[in-house]
Amino acid sequence: MYSGDFINLPFPIVADIDGNYINRSVKMYKPRREGDDNNFKDLYRFTRENVDHVTQAFLGDSFENRGGALSNVQRMKCFLRYVGDPGFQVGVGEDLGIHQTTVCKTIWSVCKEIVEKADEWIHFPNTPDEFEQEKKMWQTKYKFPSAIGAIDCTHILINKPGNYKDEFVNRKGLNSFNVQATCNAKEQFTSMDCEWAGSVHDARIWKNSNVFNLIQENQAGAILLADEAYPLTPWVMTPYRDPVTSLQKVFNVIHKRERVVIERVFGQVKQRFPLLQSKVRVKTEKNPRFIAACFVLHNVAKHLKDEDFEPAETTTYDIEVPRPTVTDATVLQRGQRRRDCIASYLRGGSNR
């Protein structure tokens, strides 16, 4: 018998070690779906052209086609569909024509590859020249002198953890990660800290962050704008508590108007990636990577000038936290003196 005898059979024939011919079942693949141009950005959170750019930036080219392998563009679309779904793997698989187990493996592998390049896209200034550049950038859009950005925390809801349950319960009784970030005048993240449980106070995250060490006593005199959850220092400006004078009131108005940029950026990243609005449904230890990947892709979207999604009314889980206790009186006094000087400058500017 020769191979020509099997040429019209609907299944492949192979020989075993003894020379006996056996049938091998044919792998069946669901038809892969690409999404039409009318709803492409709604599905994949970027324009079609920019999905290609994002894929090239993080995954590179792929010519693998053995065993029905996904191309890198398909892998990236799988991840983007997941973070925009928000986060149901079975639904993503049905939409894309792949099995749920493939979705699970793909989104995790893509997530890791994005986070591995986070430092290329999220960078906090660490030299006098970089601080000066950020100060000049801020002044092109805002009034606050010496500012380089704003800082705040936001809560990302998660499934109930298996371990250390109490640590993740925030002040609203919900399970979450408390994520700290800074942003600049371009509405790009300049730092992120995604690994703290929801019960942790903003000030504690701040004091243990890399940014804390970079900004304090910086030679350029750069400032971050923060709310009252952060301690007042010469390099972190918070509003006056219960302002009385016109000088203090003007300061608070301008401070609030400019500090809100970080809240706007949080809103933008949550609108682009609705996974962050609802609940991240992965193992607790994997949550920080998924959050970080979304923050990185936010900066990529800004770089590519991919238009932000229209803001919508969403439930916020940001939480009012107690004011921090300041133990260093000298630093506090220096911060108060600098705030008074800036307030005088801003009031003078408002009268011009």
Protein backbone atom coordinates (compact mmCIF):
# COMPACT_ATOMS: atom_id res chain seq x y z
CA MET A 1 0.00 0.00 0.00
CA TYR A 2 1.36 3.42 -0.83
CA SER A 3 0.52 6.97 0.21
CA GLY A 4 -1.58 7.58 -2.86
CA ASP A 5 -4.20 5.21 -1.47
CA PHE A 6 -4.97 7.75 1.27
CA ILE A 7 -4.93 10.91 -0.77
CA ASN A 8 -8.71 11.44 -0.68
CA LEU A 9 -9.31 10.45 2.93
CA PRO A 10 -10.69 13.27 5.18
CA PHE A 11 -8.25 12.52 8.00
CA PRO A 12 -4.45 12.19 8.18
CA ILE A 13 -2.85 8.73 8.25
CA VAL A 14 0.41 8.02 10.07
CA ALA A 15 2.31 4.83 10.81
CA ASP A 16 3.15 3.67 14.31
CA ILE A 17 6.47 2.09 15.33
CA ASP A 18 5.41 -1.33 13.98
CA GLY A 19 4.39 0.03 10.63
CA ASN A 20 0.65 -0.11 11.32
CA TYR A 21 -1.38 2.78 9.97
CA ILE A 22 -3.49 4.75 12.44
CA ASN A 23 -5.84 7.66 12.21
CA ARG A 24 -4.88 10.99 13.81
CA SER A 25 -7.71 13.37 14.63
CA VAL A 26 -7.65 16.71 12.89
CA LYS A 27 -7.33 19.79 15.11
CA MET A 28 -10.32 22.04 14.73
CA TYR A 29 -9.89 25.79 15.21
CA LYS A 30 -12.59 28.35 15.67
CA PRO A 31 -12.67 31.01 12.96
CA ARG A 32 -10.49 33.89 14.15
CA ARG A 33 -12.34 37.19 14.22
CA GLU A 34 -10.79 40.58 13.55
CA GLY A 35 -13.52 43.08 14.46
CA ASP A 36 -14.96 45.52 11.97
CA ASP A 37 -13.87 49.12 11.53
CA ASN A 38 -17.08 50.47 13.06
CA ASN A 39 -16.37 49.16 16.55
CA PHE A 40 -12.66 48.31 16.42
CA LYS A 41 -11.56 50.89 19.00
CA ASP A 42 -14.43 50.02 21.32
CA LEU A 43 -13.24 46.41 21.28
CA TYR A 44 -9.47 46.91 21.41
CA ARG A 45 -9.15 50.35 23.06
CA PHE A 46 -6.82 51.65 20.32
CA THR A 47 -7.29 52.41 16.66
CA ARG A 48 -6.38 49.60 14.27
CA GLU A 49 -3.18 51.36 13.23
CA ASN A 50 -2.16 51.97 16.83
CA VAL A 51 -2.79 48.35 17.83
CA ASP A 52 -0.08 47.51 15.29
CA HIS A 53 2.22 50.12 16.87
CA VAL A 54 1.59 48.80 20.37
CA THR A 55 2.22 45.23 19.21
CA GLN A 56 5.50 46.19 17.57
CA ALA A 57 6.64 48.13 20.65
CA PHE A 58 6.10 45.27 23.12
CA LEU A 59 5.92 42.00 21.19
CA GLY A 60 7.77 42.64 17.93
CA ASP A 61 7.22 40.65 14.75
CA SER A 62 5.91 37.12 14.73
CA PHE A 63 5.90 34.66 11.88
CA GLU A 64 5.00 31.59 13.93
CA ASN A 65 2.06 29.68 12.45
CA ARG A 66 2.62 26.13 13.65
CA GLY A 67 -0.32 24.48 15.38
CA GLY A 68 -2.59 27.43 14.73
CA ALA A 69 -0.41 29.76 16.83
CA LEU A 70 -1.68 33.28 17.39
CA SER A 71 0.24 36.05 15.70
CA ASN A 72 1.62 38.79 17.94
CA VAL A 73 -1.09 41.15 16.75
CA GLN A 74 -3.71 38.58 17.74
CA ARG A 75 -2.01 38.11 21.11
CA MET A 76 -2.05 41.85 21.76
CA LYS A 77 -5.68 42.11 20.68
CA CYS A 78 -6.53 39.31 23.09
CA PHE A 79 -4.97 41.25 25.97
CA LEU A 80 -6.60 44.53 24.95
CA ARG A 81 -9.97 42.86 24.59
CA TYR A 82 -9.61 41.41 28.08
CA VAL A 83 -8.78 44.70 29.81
CA GLY A 84 -11.59 46.39 27.88
CA ASP A 85 -14.29 43.71 28.36
CA PRO A 86 -14.05 44.16 31.43
CA GLY A 87 -12.13 41.04 32.19
CA PHE A 88 -14.20 37.94 31.37
CA GLN A 89 -11.96 35.39 29.68
CA VAL A 90 -14.76 33.21 28.32
CA GLY A 91 -16.40 36.18 26.62
CA VAL A 92 -13.06 37.28 25.15
CA GLY A 93 -12.49 33.79 23.77
CA GLU A 94 -15.91 33.76 22.13
CA ASP A 95 -15.34 37.19 20.62
CA LEU A 96 -11.94 36.28 19.18
CA GLY A 97 -12.60 32.66 18.28
CA ILE A 98 -10.11 31.10 20.71
CA HIS A 99 -10.46 28.86 23.75
CA GLN A 100 -10.60 30.27 27.27
CA THR A 101 -7.38 28.49 28.26
CA THR A 102 -5.61 30.17 25.34
CA VAL A 103 -7.00 33.51 26.47
CA CYS A 104 -5.68 32.93 29.99
CA LYS A 105 -2.17 32.03 28.85
CA THR A 106 -2.06 34.80 26.26
CA ILE A 107 -3.16 37.70 28.44
CA TRP A 108 -0.67 36.76 31.16
CA SER A 109 2.27 36.39 28.75
CA VAL A 110 1.46 39.69 27.03
CA CYS A 111 0.98 41.42 30.39
CA LYS A 112 4.45 40.35 31.52
CA GLU A 113 6.05 41.54 28.28
CA ILE A 114 4.43 44.95 28.63
CA VAL A 115 5.51 45.38 32.25
CA GLU A 116 9.08 44.32 31.42
CA LYS A 117 9.34 47.51 29.34
CA ALA A 118 7.59 49.76 31.85
CA ASP A 119 10.74 51.78 32.56
CA GLU A 120 10.89 52.80 28.91
CA TRP A 121 7.46 54.44 29.16
CA ILE A 122 7.07 55.58 32.77
CA HIS A 123 9.96 57.65 34.06
CA PHE A 124 10.27 60.03 36.99
CA PRO A 125 12.95 62.73 36.65
CA ASN A 126 16.11 62.00 38.59
CA THR A 127 18.60 64.63 37.45
CA PRO A 128 18.56 68.45 37.83
CA ASP A 129 18.17 68.85 34.06
CA GLU A 130 15.19 66.49 33.95
CA PHE A 131 13.55 68.30 36.87
CA GLU A 132 14.04 71.64 35.11
CA GLN A 133 12.52 70.29 31.91
CA GLU A 134 9.45 69.07 33.78
CA LYS A 135 9.09 72.44 35.55
CA LYS A 136 9.15 74.27 32.23
CA MET A 137 6.60 71.86 30.78
CA TRP A 138 4.25 72.49 33.70
CA GLN A 139 4.53 76.25 33.23
CA THR A 140 3.40 75.96 29.60
CA LYS A 141 -0.06 74.85 30.79
CA TYR A 142 -0.40 75.84 34.44
CA LYS A 143 0.55 78.55 36.96
CA PHE A 144 1.99 76.74 39.95
CA PRO A 145 5.71 77.63 40.19
CA SER A 146 8.32 74.85 40.35
CA ALA A 147 5.67 72.12 40.02
CA ILE A 148 6.51 69.04 37.96
CA GLY A 149 3.28 67.12 38.47
CA ALA A 150 0.69 65.82 40.89
CA ILE A 151 0.47 62.74 43.10
CA ASP A 152 -2.46 60.74 44.43
CA CYS A 153 -3.73 57.23 45.09
CA THR A 154 -6.65 55.34 43.59
CA HIS A 155 -8.24 52.05 44.58
CA ILE A 156 -8.55 49.14 42.14
CA LEU A 157 -11.07 46.50 43.20
CA ILE A 158 -10.07 42.83 43.24
CA ASN A 159 -11.59 39.46 44.09
CA LYS A 160 -11.46 38.46 47.74
CA PRO A 161 -7.91 37.22 48.35
CA GLY A 162 -7.26 33.75 49.70
CA ASN A 163 -4.59 34.97 52.12
CA TYR A 164 -4.13 38.14 54.19
CA LYS A 165 -7.80 39.02 53.61
CA ASP A 166 -7.95 41.83 56.18
CA GLU A 167 -5.03 43.71 54.63
CA PHE A 168 -6.91 44.19 51.37
CA VAL A 169 -10.13 45.52 52.92
CA ASN A 170 -10.21 49.30 52.43
CA ARG A 171 -12.11 51.91 54.42
CA LYS A 172 -15.27 51.23 52.42
CA GLY A 173 -15.13 47.53 53.28
CA LEU A 174 -14.13 46.52 49.73
CA ASN A 175 -11.16 44.41 48.63
CA SER A 176 -8.69 46.48 46.68
CA PHE A 177 -5.16 47.51 45.86
CA ASN A 178 -4.24 51.10 46.74
CA VAL A 179 -2.27 52.39 43.75
CA GLN A 180 -0.10 55.49 43.96
CA ALA A 181 0.94 57.39 40.85
CA THR A 182 2.36 60.71 39.72
CA CYS A 183 1.69 62.43 36.43
CA ASN A 184 3.09 65.38 34.48
CA ALA A 185 1.61 68.23 32.47
CA LYS A 186 1.21 65.96 29.43
CA GLU A 187 -1.17 63.77 31.46
CA GLN A 188 1.32 60.91 31.38
CA PHE A 189 2.21 58.79 34.37
CA THR A 190 5.73 59.46 35.64
CA SER A 191 5.65 56.83 38.38
CA MET A 192 3.39 54.10 39.72
CA ASP A 193 3.34 51.89 42.78
CA CYS A 194 0.79 49.10 42.36
CA GLU A 195 1.65 46.59 45.08
CA TRP A 196 0.04 47.97 48.25
CA ALA A 197 -3.06 46.44 49.82
CA GLY A 198 -6.21 48.53 50.08
CA SER A 199 -5.95 49.08 53.84
CA VAL A 200 -2.61 50.91 53.58
CA HIS A 201 -2.66 54.69 54.12
CA ASP A 202 -1.59 56.93 51.23
CA ALA A 203 1.13 58.53 53.34
CA ARG A 204 2.70 55.16 54.13
CA ILE A 205 2.86 54.25 50.45
CA TRP A 206 4.40 57.64 49.76
CA LYS A 207 7.15 57.31 52.37
CA ASN A 208 8.13 53.88 51.05
CA SER A 209 8.14 54.83 47.36
CA ASN A 210 11.10 55.50 45.10
CA VAL A 211 9.62 58.89 44.23
CA PHE A 212 9.86 59.95 47.88
CA ASN A 213 13.62 59.53 47.73
CA LEU A 214 13.94 61.24 44.34
CA ILE A 215 11.89 64.35 45.06
CA GLN A 216 12.93 65.25 48.60
CA GLU A 217 15.65 67.88 48.74
CA ASN A 218 16.03 67.80 44.95
CA GLN A 219 18.47 70.43 43.72
CA ALA A 220 15.97 71.95 41.29
CA GLY A 221 13.47 72.78 44.03
CA ALA A 222 10.79 70.80 42.19
CA ILE A 223 7.34 70.32 43.74
CA LEU A 224 4.55 67.76 43.55
CA LEU A 225 0.94 68.80 44.19
CA ALA A 226 -0.96 66.59 46.61
CA ASP A 227 -4.14 66.49 48.68
CA GLU A 228 -4.32 66.46 52.47
CA ALA A 229 -3.63 62.74 52.67
CA TYR A 230 0.04 63.65 52.17
CA PRO A 231 2.26 65.53 54.62
CA LEU A 232 3.20 69.11 53.75
CA THR A 233 6.91 69.45 52.95
CA PRO A 234 9.00 71.88 50.86
CA TRP A 235 8.71 69.44 47.94
CA VAL A 236 5.07 68.35 48.36
CA MET A 237 2.49 71.14 48.40
CA THR A 238 -0.88 70.48 50.01
CA PRO A 239 -3.79 72.94 50.38
CA TYR A 240 -4.40 75.15 53.40
CA ARG A 241 -6.71 73.57 55.92
CA ASP A 242 -9.72 75.84 56.58
CA PRO A 243 -8.34 78.83 54.62
CA VAL A 244 -9.20 82.24 56.06
CA THR A 245 -7.25 84.90 54.21
CA SER A 246 -7.68 85.79 50.54
CA LEU A 247 -4.08 84.69 49.98
CA GLN A 248 -4.86 81.20 51.30
CA LYS A 249 -8.12 80.98 49.36
CA VAL A 250 -6.46 81.92 46.06
CA PHE A 251 -3.75 79.35 46.71
CA ASN A 252 -6.31 76.60 47.37
CA VAL A 253 -8.32 77.43 44.24
CA ILE A 254 -5.27 77.27 41.96
CA HIS A 255 -3.86 74.24 43.78
CA LYS A 256 -7.13 72.32 43.39
CA ARG A 257 -7.50 73.28 39.73
CA GLU A 258 -4.01 72.04 38.89
CA ARG A 259 -3.76 69.06 41.23
CA VAL A 260 -6.90 67.58 39.68
CA VAL A 261 -4.81 66.57 36.65
CA ILE A 262 -3.89 63.33 38.44
CA GLU A 263 -7.56 62.52 39.03
CA ARG A 264 -8.22 63.22 35.37
CA VAL A 265 -5.45 60.84 34.36
CA PHE A 266 -6.82 58.13 36.65
CA GLY A 267 -10.19 58.65 34.98
CA GLN A 268 -8.64 58.39 31.52
CA VAL A 269 -6.84 55.12 32.20
CA LYS A 270 -9.97 53.62 33.75
CA GLN A 271 -12.09 54.72 30.80
CA ARG A 272 -9.66 53.21 28.29
CA PHE A 273 -9.34 49.99 30.30
CA PRO A 274 -12.69 49.27 32.05
CA LEU A 275 -11.11 46.30 33.82
CA LEU A 276 -9.79 48.88 36.30
CA GLN A 277 -13.29 50.27 36.91
CA SER A 278 -14.93 47.01 37.88
CA LYS A 279 -12.84 44.24 39.38
CA VAL A 280 -9.58 42.59 38.33
CA ARG A 281 -10.43 38.88 38.27
CA VAL A 282 -7.01 37.26 38.51
CA LYS A 283 -4.98 35.81 41.36
CA THR A 284 -4.08 38.42 43.95
CA GLU A 285 -0.36 38.22 43.25
CA LYS A 286 -0.96 38.91 39.55
CA ASN A 287 -3.05 42.04 40.08
CA PRO A 288 -0.16 44.53 40.28
CA ARG A 289 1.16 43.46 36.87
CA PHE A 290 -2.21 43.88 35.17
CA ILE A 291 -2.67 47.31 36.75
CA ALA A 292 0.86 48.33 35.77
CA ALA A 293 0.36 47.14 32.18
CA CYS A 294 -2.71 49.34 31.83
CA PHE A 295 -0.81 52.35 33.19
CA VAL A 296 2.01 51.73 30.73
CA LEU A 297 -0.42 51.49 27.83
CA HIS A 298 -2.03 54.76 28.91
CA ASN A 299 1.32 56.48 28.34
CA VAL A 300 1.68 54.72 24.99
CA ALA A 301 -1.76 56.02 24.00
CA LYS A 302 -0.68 59.57 24.89
CA HIS A 303 2.51 59.14 22.88
CA LEU A 304 0.56 57.89 19.86
CA LYS A 305 -2.04 60.64 20.34
CA ASP A 306 -4.73 57.98 20.42
CA GLU A 307 -7.82 59.93 21.43
CA ASP A 308 -9.07 59.42 24.99
CA PHE A 309 -12.44 57.80 25.55
CA GLU A 310 -15.27 60.13 26.42
CA PRO A 311 -15.69 60.39 30.18
CA ALA A 312 -18.73 58.66 31.56
CA GLU A 313 -20.38 58.48 34.95
CA THR A 314 -18.63 55.66 36.75
CA THR A 315 -18.66 54.49 40.33
CA THR A 316 -15.58 55.74 42.13
CA TYR A 317 -13.89 53.78 44.88
CA ASP A 318 -11.39 56.47 45.81
CA ILE A 319 -11.48 56.97 49.55
CA GLU A 320 -11.07 59.87 51.92
CA VAL A 321 -8.18 59.02 54.21
CA PRO A 322 -7.14 60.57 57.53
CA ARG A 323 -4.56 63.32 57.46
CA PRO A 324 -1.04 62.02 58.08
CA THR A 325 0.82 62.64 61.28
CA VAL A 326 3.91 64.78 60.72
CA THR A 327 6.74 63.97 63.09
CA ASP A 328 9.48 66.23 61.66
CA ALA A 329 8.53 69.73 62.82
CA THR A 330 11.43 71.37 61.01
CA VAL A 331 10.42 69.96 57.64
CA LEU A 332 6.80 70.97 58.27
CA GLN A 333 7.82 74.56 59.10
CA ARG A 334 9.93 74.75 55.95
CA GLY A 335 6.98 73.48 53.94
CA GLN A 336 4.67 76.07 55.51
CA ARG A 337 7.09 78.90 54.73
CA ARG A 338 7.44 77.80 51.13
CA ARG A 339 3.68 77.43 50.74
CA ASP A 340 3.20 80.99 52.05
CA CYS A 341 5.76 82.30 49.54
CA ILE A 342 4.05 80.48 46.66
CA ALA A 343 0.66 81.75 47.84
CA SER A 344 1.94 85.33 47.71
CA TYR A 345 3.28 84.75 44.23
CA LEU A 346 0.02 83.20 42.99
CA ARG A 347 -2.14 85.96 44.47
CA GLY A 348 0.05 88.56 42.77
CA GLY A 349 -0.28 86.68 39.50
CA SER A 350 -4.06 86.49 39.81
CA ASN A 351 -4.23 90.29 40.09
CA ARG A 352 -2.23 90.88 36.94
